[in-house]
Amino acid sequence: MSKVTTGMLHHVELWVPDLPRAVAGWGWLLGELGYTLFQNWADGRSWRLGSTYLVLEQSPALSADEHDRRRPGLNHLAFHVESRAMVDALAERAPRHGWTLLFPERHPHAGGERHYAAYLEDADGFEVELVAPETSVNAL
């Protein structure tokens, strides 16, 4: 386990309307990002990387059956990836796992000319941003 530092995220929990569908897409993506399955119960799963974990749960307390990232609340989760090549590879494979590339006309610079990332949305409307390390201006 990684050293715990004050202020680090402990975990993030997403309530999903369809657990099997969410597990298929998120399980693939989190595995590609180095997370491993951490917990598994009837209504949820979690994956851990270091001392942080991400939970997907289909709670009976849900008040709606869809997520809208444009409403108040969670807009997206952003993850570091090791390289631009990895951003490209994940963006290419993501549709086979239930993810849609957002802003395809501006990909991979939808976040700005110097920001190399893929913005993906799952079938339930949750968005992730996969961010490559910054490079120098000369490398662009």
N, C-alpha and C. Protein backbone atom coordinates (compact mmCIF):
# COMPACT_ATOMS: atom_id res chain seq x y z
N MET A 1 0.85 -1.18 0.00
CA MET A 1 0.00 0.00 0.00
C MET A 1 0.89 1.24 0.00
N SER A 2 0.46 2.27 -0.68
CA SER A 2 1.19 3.53 -0.76
C SER A 2 1.13 4.27 0.56
N LYS A 3 2.12 5.12 0.77
CA LYS A 3 2.13 5.98 1.95
C LYS A 3 0.91 6.90 1.88
N VAL A 4 0.20 7.00 2.99
CA VAL A 4 -0.98 7.86 3.06
C VAL A 4 -0.53 9.25 3.47
N THR A 5 -0.98 10.25 2.73
CA THR A 5 -0.67 11.64 2.98
C THR A 5 -1.96 12.40 3.22
N THR A 6 -1.95 13.28 4.21
CA THR A 6 -3.13 14.09 4.47
C THR A 6 -3.57 14.80 3.19
N GLY A 7 -4.84 14.72 2.89
CA GLY A 7 -5.40 15.37 1.71
C GLY A 7 -5.58 14.44 0.52
N MET A 8 -4.92 13.27 0.54
CA MET A 8 -5.11 12.32 -0.57
C MET A 8 -6.54 11.80 -0.52
N LEU A 9 -7.08 11.47 -1.67
CA LEU A 9 -8.39 10.83 -1.71
C LEU A 9 -8.31 9.45 -1.06
N HIS A 10 -9.29 9.14 -0.26
CA HIS A 10 -9.41 7.80 0.32
C HIS A 10 -10.18 6.90 -0.65
N HIS A 11 -11.37 7.35 -1.05
CA HIS A 11 -12.12 6.63 -2.06
C HIS A 11 -13.16 7.55 -2.69
N VAL A 12 -13.65 7.11 -3.83
CA VAL A 12 -14.76 7.77 -4.53
C VAL A 12 -15.81 6.69 -4.73
N GLU A 13 -17.07 7.02 -4.45
CA GLU A 13 -18.16 6.07 -4.63
C GLU A 13 -19.15 6.62 -5.64
N LEU A 14 -19.40 5.85 -6.69
CA LEU A 14 -20.37 6.22 -7.72
C LEU A 14 -21.56 5.29 -7.60
N TRP A 15 -22.75 5.86 -7.50
CA TRP A 15 -23.97 5.07 -7.52
C TRP A 15 -24.41 4.95 -8.96
N VAL A 16 -24.60 3.73 -9.40
CA VAL A 16 -24.92 3.44 -10.80
C VAL A 16 -26.28 2.77 -10.91
N PRO A 17 -26.98 2.98 -12.02
CA PRO A 17 -28.31 2.38 -12.18
C PRO A 17 -28.27 0.92 -12.61
N ASP A 18 -27.15 0.46 -13.19
CA ASP A 18 -27.05 -0.90 -13.69
C ASP A 18 -25.64 -1.41 -13.37
N LEU A 19 -25.52 -2.17 -12.29
CA LEU A 19 -24.19 -2.61 -11.83
C LEU A 19 -23.46 -3.46 -12.86
N PRO A 20 -24.08 -4.50 -13.46
CA PRO A 20 -23.32 -5.30 -14.44
C PRO A 20 -22.78 -4.46 -15.60
N ARG A 21 -23.58 -3.54 -16.10
CA ARG A 21 -23.13 -2.68 -17.20
C ARG A 21 -21.97 -1.79 -16.75
N ALA A 22 -22.09 -1.21 -15.56
CA ALA A 22 -21.03 -0.34 -15.04
C ALA A 22 -19.75 -1.14 -14.78
N VAL A 23 -19.88 -2.33 -14.23
CA VAL A 23 -18.70 -3.16 -13.95
C VAL A 23 -17.97 -3.51 -15.24
N ALA A 24 -18.72 -3.78 -16.30
CA ALA A 24 -18.09 -4.12 -17.58
C ALA A 24 -17.21 -2.98 -18.08
N GLY A 25 -17.73 -1.77 -18.11
CA GLY A 25 -16.96 -0.63 -18.62
C GLY A 25 -15.90 -0.14 -17.66
N TRP A 26 -16.30 0.11 -16.42
CA TRP A 26 -15.35 0.62 -15.43
C TRP A 26 -14.30 -0.42 -15.06
N GLY A 27 -14.70 -1.68 -14.97
CA GLY A 27 -13.73 -2.73 -14.65
C GLY A 27 -12.62 -2.79 -15.67
N TRP A 28 -12.98 -2.71 -16.96
CA TRP A 28 -11.97 -2.69 -18.02
C TRP A 28 -11.06 -1.48 -17.86
N LEU A 29 -11.66 -0.28 -17.75
CA LEU A 29 -10.85 0.94 -17.69
C LEU A 29 -9.95 0.96 -16.46
N LEU A 30 -10.50 0.66 -15.31
CA LEU A 30 -9.69 0.68 -14.09
C LEU A 30 -8.56 -0.34 -14.15
N GLY A 31 -8.83 -1.50 -14.72
CA GLY A 31 -7.77 -2.49 -14.92
C GLY A 31 -6.65 -1.97 -15.80
N GLU A 32 -7.03 -1.29 -16.88
CA GLU A 32 -6.02 -0.70 -17.78
C GLU A 32 -5.19 0.36 -17.08
N LEU A 33 -5.79 1.03 -16.09
CA LEU A 33 -5.09 2.09 -15.36
C LEU A 33 -4.30 1.57 -14.17
N GLY A 34 -4.31 0.26 -13.96
CA GLY A 34 -3.51 -0.34 -12.89
C GLY A 34 -4.25 -0.66 -11.61
N TYR A 35 -5.56 -0.43 -11.58
CA TYR A 35 -6.35 -0.77 -10.40
C TYR A 35 -6.60 -2.28 -10.38
N THR A 36 -6.76 -2.83 -9.18
CA THR A 36 -7.12 -4.24 -9.04
C THR A 36 -8.41 -4.34 -8.23
N LEU A 37 -9.16 -5.40 -8.50
CA LEU A 37 -10.41 -5.61 -7.78
C LEU A 37 -10.09 -5.69 -6.29
N PHE A 38 -10.84 -4.94 -5.50
CA PHE A 38 -10.59 -4.82 -4.07
C PHE A 38 -11.72 -5.45 -3.25
N GLN A 39 -12.95 -5.11 -3.56
CA GLN A 39 -14.11 -5.63 -2.84
C GLN A 39 -15.17 -6.03 -3.85
N ASN A 40 -15.99 -7.02 -3.46
CA ASN A 40 -17.01 -7.54 -4.36
C ASN A 40 -18.19 -7.99 -3.50
N TRP A 41 -19.34 -7.36 -3.64
CA TRP A 41 -20.54 -7.76 -2.91
C TRP A 41 -21.72 -7.68 -3.86
N ALA A 42 -22.88 -8.13 -3.42
CA ALA A 42 -24.05 -8.27 -4.30
C ALA A 42 -24.39 -6.98 -5.03
N ASP A 43 -24.31 -5.84 -4.36
CA ASP A 43 -24.71 -4.58 -4.98
C ASP A 43 -23.55 -3.67 -5.35
N GLY A 44 -22.32 -4.17 -5.33
CA GLY A 44 -21.21 -3.29 -5.64
C GLY A 44 -19.88 -3.98 -5.87
N ARG A 45 -18.95 -3.19 -6.36
CA ARG A 45 -17.56 -3.61 -6.57
C ARG A 45 -16.68 -2.41 -6.26
N SER A 46 -15.44 -2.70 -5.90
CA SER A 46 -14.47 -1.62 -5.78
C SER A 46 -13.13 -2.09 -6.33
N TRP A 47 -12.35 -1.12 -6.79
CA TRP A 47 -11.02 -1.35 -7.33
C TRP A 47 -10.06 -0.42 -6.61
N ARG A 48 -8.85 -0.91 -6.33
CA ARG A 48 -7.87 -0.15 -5.55
C ARG A 48 -6.59 0.06 -6.37
N LEU A 49 -6.03 1.24 -6.18
CA LEU A 49 -4.70 1.57 -6.69
C LEU A 49 -4.00 2.30 -5.56
N GLY A 50 -2.96 1.71 -5.00
CA GLY A 50 -2.31 2.30 -3.84
C GLY A 50 -3.27 2.34 -2.68
N SER A 51 -3.39 3.50 -2.07
CA SER A 51 -4.27 3.62 -0.91
C SER A 51 -5.63 4.21 -1.27
N THR A 52 -5.91 4.39 -2.56
CA THR A 52 -7.18 4.97 -3.02
C THR A 52 -7.99 3.90 -3.73
N TYR A 53 -9.29 3.93 -3.51
CA TYR A 53 -10.13 2.99 -4.24
C TYR A 53 -11.38 3.67 -4.78
N LEU A 54 -11.95 3.05 -5.82
CA LEU A 54 -13.16 3.56 -6.47
C LEU A 54 -14.24 2.50 -6.34
N VAL A 55 -15.42 2.93 -5.89
CA VAL A 55 -16.55 2.03 -5.65
C VAL A 55 -17.65 2.29 -6.68
N LEU A 56 -18.22 1.22 -7.19
CA LEU A 56 -19.45 1.28 -7.98
C LEU A 56 -20.51 0.54 -7.18
N GLU A 57 -21.65 1.19 -6.96
CA GLU A 57 -22.70 0.54 -6.19
C GLU A 57 -24.06 0.84 -6.81
N GLN A 58 -24.89 -0.19 -6.87
CA GLN A 58 -26.27 -0.02 -7.31
C GLN A 58 -27.11 -0.03 -6.04
N SER A 59 -27.33 1.15 -5.50
CA SER A 59 -28.02 1.30 -4.23
C SER A 59 -29.53 1.33 -4.41
N PRO A 60 -30.27 0.72 -3.49
CA PRO A 60 -31.73 0.84 -3.54
C PRO A 60 -32.20 2.25 -3.19
N ALA A 61 -31.31 3.10 -2.72
CA ALA A 61 -31.68 4.47 -2.34
C ALA A 61 -31.54 5.47 -3.49
N LEU A 62 -31.24 4.99 -4.70
CA LEU A 62 -31.13 5.90 -5.84
C LEU A 62 -32.42 6.69 -6.03
N SER A 63 -32.30 7.97 -6.33
CA SER A 63 -33.49 8.80 -6.55
C SER A 63 -33.75 9.04 -8.03
N ALA A 64 -32.86 8.58 -8.89
CA ALA A 64 -33.04 8.70 -10.35
C ALA A 64 -32.32 7.52 -10.99
N ASP A 65 -32.64 7.26 -12.26
CA ASP A 65 -32.00 6.14 -12.93
C ASP A 65 -30.97 6.56 -13.96
N GLU A 66 -30.57 7.84 -13.92
CA GLU A 66 -29.54 8.31 -14.84
C GLU A 66 -28.70 9.40 -14.18
N HIS A 67 -27.49 9.53 -14.67
CA HIS A 67 -26.56 10.56 -14.19
C HIS A 67 -26.42 11.61 -15.29
N ASP A 68 -26.40 12.86 -14.93
CA ASP A 68 -26.18 13.94 -15.90
C ASP A 68 -25.02 14.78 -15.39
N ARG A 69 -23.89 14.66 -16.05
CA ARG A 69 -22.68 15.36 -15.61
C ARG A 69 -22.81 16.87 -15.69
N ARG A 70 -23.85 17.37 -16.34
CA ARG A 70 -24.06 18.81 -16.46
C ARG A 70 -24.94 19.37 -15.35
N ARG A 71 -25.45 18.50 -14.50
CA ARG A 71 -26.23 18.94 -13.34
C ARG A 71 -25.28 19.16 -12.17
N PRO A 72 -25.74 19.83 -11.12
CA PRO A 72 -24.89 19.96 -9.93
C PRO A 72 -24.47 18.57 -9.44
N GLY A 73 -23.25 18.47 -9.01
CA GLY A 73 -22.71 17.20 -8.55
C GLY A 73 -21.45 16.87 -9.32
N LEU A 74 -21.16 15.62 -9.44
CA LEU A 74 -19.94 15.17 -10.11
C LEU A 74 -20.00 15.44 -11.60
N ASN A 75 -19.00 16.14 -12.12
CA ASN A 75 -18.90 16.33 -13.56
C ASN A 75 -18.07 15.20 -14.17
N HIS A 76 -16.87 14.98 -13.67
CA HIS A 76 -16.05 13.88 -14.19
C HIS A 76 -14.93 13.55 -13.23
N LEU A 77 -14.31 12.39 -13.48
CA LEU A 77 -13.09 11.99 -12.79
C LEU A 77 -11.96 12.05 -13.80
N ALA A 78 -10.82 12.57 -13.39
CA ALA A 78 -9.65 12.67 -14.27
C ALA A 78 -8.54 11.78 -13.73
N PHE A 79 -7.95 10.99 -14.62
CA PHE A 79 -6.90 10.06 -14.26
C PHE A 79 -5.63 10.38 -15.05
N HIS A 80 -4.48 10.33 -14.39
CA HIS A 80 -3.20 10.40 -15.09
C HIS A 80 -2.99 9.11 -15.87
N VAL A 81 -2.41 9.21 -17.04
CA VAL A 81 -1.91 8.04 -17.76
C VAL A 81 -0.46 8.31 -18.12
N GLU A 82 0.29 7.26 -18.41
CA GLU A 82 1.74 7.40 -18.54
C GLU A 82 2.22 8.11 -19.79
N SER A 83 1.41 8.14 -20.85
CA SER A 83 1.91 8.71 -22.10
C SER A 83 0.77 9.08 -23.04
N ARG A 84 1.12 9.85 -24.06
CA ARG A 84 0.15 10.15 -25.11
C ARG A 84 -0.27 8.88 -25.84
N ALA A 85 0.68 7.98 -26.03
CA ALA A 85 0.37 6.72 -26.71
C ALA A 85 -0.68 5.93 -25.93
N MET A 86 -0.60 5.98 -24.61
CA MET A 86 -1.59 5.27 -23.80
C MET A 86 -2.95 5.95 -23.90
N VAL A 87 -2.99 7.28 -23.92
CA VAL A 87 -4.26 8.00 -24.12
C VAL A 87 -4.88 7.54 -25.43
N ASP A 88 -4.08 7.51 -26.49
CA ASP A 88 -4.59 7.12 -27.80
C ASP A 88 -5.09 5.67 -27.81
N ALA A 89 -4.33 4.76 -27.20
CA ALA A 89 -4.71 3.35 -27.18
C ALA A 89 -6.01 3.14 -26.40
N LEU A 90 -6.13 3.79 -25.25
CA LEU A 90 -7.35 3.65 -24.46
C LEU A 90 -8.55 4.25 -25.18
N ALA A 91 -8.37 5.40 -25.80
CA ALA A 91 -9.47 6.04 -26.54
C ALA A 91 -9.92 5.15 -27.71
N GLU A 92 -8.98 4.46 -28.34
CA GLU A 92 -9.32 3.58 -29.46
C GLU A 92 -10.07 2.34 -28.99
N ARG A 93 -9.68 1.76 -27.87
CA ARG A 93 -10.30 0.52 -27.38
C ARG A 93 -11.56 0.76 -26.56
N ALA A 94 -11.74 1.96 -26.03
CA ALA A 94 -12.84 2.25 -25.12
C ALA A 94 -14.23 1.92 -25.67
N PRO A 95 -14.53 2.22 -26.94
CA PRO A 95 -15.88 1.92 -27.45
C PRO A 95 -16.26 0.44 -27.35
N ARG A 96 -15.28 -0.45 -27.41
CA ARG A 96 -15.56 -1.88 -27.28
C ARG A 96 -15.96 -2.26 -25.86
N HIS A 97 -15.81 -1.32 -24.94
CA HIS A 97 -16.12 -1.57 -23.53
C HIS A 97 -17.20 -0.63 -23.01
N GLY A 98 -17.98 -0.05 -23.93
CA GLY A 98 -19.13 0.76 -23.54
C GLY A 98 -18.87 2.24 -23.35
N TRP A 99 -17.71 2.72 -23.72
CA TRP A 99 -17.37 4.14 -23.58
C TRP A 99 -17.48 4.84 -24.92
N THR A 100 -17.87 6.11 -24.89
CA THR A 100 -17.96 6.95 -26.08
C THR A 100 -16.98 8.09 -25.95
N LEU A 101 -16.25 8.37 -27.01
CA LEU A 101 -15.32 9.49 -27.02
C LEU A 101 -16.11 10.79 -27.13
N LEU A 102 -15.93 11.68 -26.16
CA LEU A 102 -16.57 12.99 -26.19
C LEU A 102 -15.69 13.96 -26.98
N PHE A 103 -16.28 14.94 -27.58
CA PHE A 103 -15.58 16.00 -28.30
C PHE A 103 -14.62 15.43 -29.36
N PRO A 104 -15.06 14.47 -30.18
CA PRO A 104 -14.15 13.82 -31.13
C PRO A 104 -13.53 14.79 -32.12
N GLU A 105 -14.25 15.87 -32.43
CA GLU A 105 -13.72 16.84 -33.41
C GLU A 105 -12.53 17.62 -32.84
N ARG A 106 -12.36 17.61 -31.53
CA ARG A 106 -11.23 18.33 -30.91
C ARG A 106 -10.24 17.39 -30.23
N HIS A 107 -10.50 16.10 -30.29
CA HIS A 107 -9.61 15.11 -29.66
C HIS A 107 -8.25 15.10 -30.34
N PRO A 108 -7.17 15.05 -29.64
CA PRO A 108 -6.96 14.89 -28.20
C PRO A 108 -6.70 16.21 -27.46
N HIS A 109 -7.07 17.32 -28.09
CA HIS A 109 -6.80 18.63 -27.48
C HIS A 109 -8.10 19.35 -27.07
N ALA A 110 -9.13 18.59 -26.67
CA ALA A 110 -10.39 19.21 -26.27
C ALA A 110 -10.24 20.09 -25.05
N GLY A 111 -9.21 19.85 -24.25
CA GLY A 111 -8.95 20.65 -23.07
C GLY A 111 -8.00 21.81 -23.32
N GLY A 112 -7.62 22.02 -24.56
CA GLY A 112 -6.70 23.09 -24.92
C GLY A 112 -5.52 22.55 -25.71
N GLU A 113 -4.86 23.44 -26.41
CA GLU A 113 -3.77 23.04 -27.32
C GLU A 113 -2.64 22.29 -26.62
N ARG A 114 -2.34 22.64 -25.38
CA ARG A 114 -1.22 22.01 -24.68
C ARG A 114 -1.67 20.88 -23.76
N HIS A 115 -2.95 20.55 -23.78
CA HIS A 115 -3.50 19.52 -22.90
C HIS A 115 -3.88 18.31 -23.75
N TYR A 116 -3.18 17.19 -23.53
CA TYR A 116 -3.40 15.98 -24.32
C TYR A 116 -4.21 15.00 -23.48
N ALA A 117 -5.45 14.77 -23.87
CA ALA A 117 -6.33 13.92 -23.06
C ALA A 117 -7.43 13.31 -23.92
N ALA A 118 -8.02 12.25 -23.39
CA ALA A 118 -9.23 11.68 -23.98
C ALA A 118 -10.35 11.87 -22.96
N TYR A 119 -11.49 12.32 -23.44
CA TYR A 119 -12.68 12.48 -22.61
C TYR A 119 -13.65 11.39 -23.03
N LEU A 120 -13.99 10.51 -22.08
CA LEU A 120 -14.85 9.38 -22.38
C LEU A 120 -16.10 9.43 -21.51
N GLU A 121 -17.21 8.92 -22.05
CA GLU A 121 -18.46 8.86 -21.30
C GLU A 121 -19.00 7.44 -21.39
N ASP A 122 -19.46 6.91 -20.25
CA ASP A 122 -20.04 5.57 -20.27
C ASP A 122 -21.53 5.63 -20.57
N ALA A 123 -22.16 4.48 -20.66
CA ALA A 123 -23.58 4.41 -21.03
C ALA A 123 -24.49 5.08 -20.01
N ASP A 124 -24.01 5.29 -18.78
CA ASP A 124 -24.82 5.91 -17.75
C ASP A 124 -24.53 7.40 -17.59
N GLY A 125 -23.69 7.96 -18.46
CA GLY A 125 -23.42 9.39 -18.43
C GLY A 125 -22.26 9.83 -17.56
N PHE A 126 -21.50 8.87 -17.00
CA PHE A 126 -20.32 9.24 -16.21
C PHE A 126 -19.16 9.51 -17.15
N GLU A 127 -18.43 10.58 -16.87
CA GLU A 127 -17.31 10.99 -17.72
C GLU A 127 -15.99 10.79 -17.00
N VAL A 128 -15.01 10.33 -17.77
CA VAL A 128 -13.63 10.29 -17.28
C VAL A 128 -12.76 11.06 -18.26
N GLU A 129 -11.70 11.62 -17.73
CA GLU A 129 -10.69 12.30 -18.54
C GLU A 129 -9.39 11.56 -18.30
N LEU A 130 -8.76 11.13 -19.38
CA LEU A 130 -7.48 10.43 -19.30
C LEU A 130 -6.40 11.40 -19.77
N VAL A 131 -5.53 11.81 -18.86
CA VAL A 131 -4.61 12.92 -19.10
C VAL A 131 -3.17 12.43 -19.24
N ALA A 132 -2.56 12.75 -20.38
CA ALA A 132 -1.14 12.44 -20.60
C ALA A 132 -0.27 13.46 -19.87
N PRO A 133 0.97 13.08 -19.55
CA PRO A 133 1.86 14.06 -18.91
C PRO A 133 2.09 15.26 -19.82
N GLU A 134 2.29 16.41 -19.17
CA GLU A 134 2.56 17.63 -19.95
C GLU A 134 3.92 17.49 -20.62
N THR A 135 4.01 18.10 -21.78
CA THR A 135 5.30 18.14 -22.49
C THR A 135 5.71 19.58 -22.65
N SER A 136 6.94 19.78 -23.01
CA SER A 136 7.40 21.15 -23.22
C SER A 136 6.79 21.72 -24.48
N VAL A 137 6.76 23.02 -24.59
CA VAL A 137 6.20 23.69 -25.76
C VAL A 137 6.94 23.24 -27.02
N ASN A 138 8.24 23.03 -26.92
CA ASN A 138 9.04 22.62 -28.09
C ASN A 138 8.65 21.25 -28.59
N ALA A 139 8.10 20.38 -27.70
CA ALA A 139 7.74 19.03 -28.10
C ALA A 139 6.40 19.00 -28.82
N LEU A 140 5.63 20.06 -28.75
CA LEU A 140 4.32 20.06 -29.41
C LEU A 140 4.51 20.31 -30.83
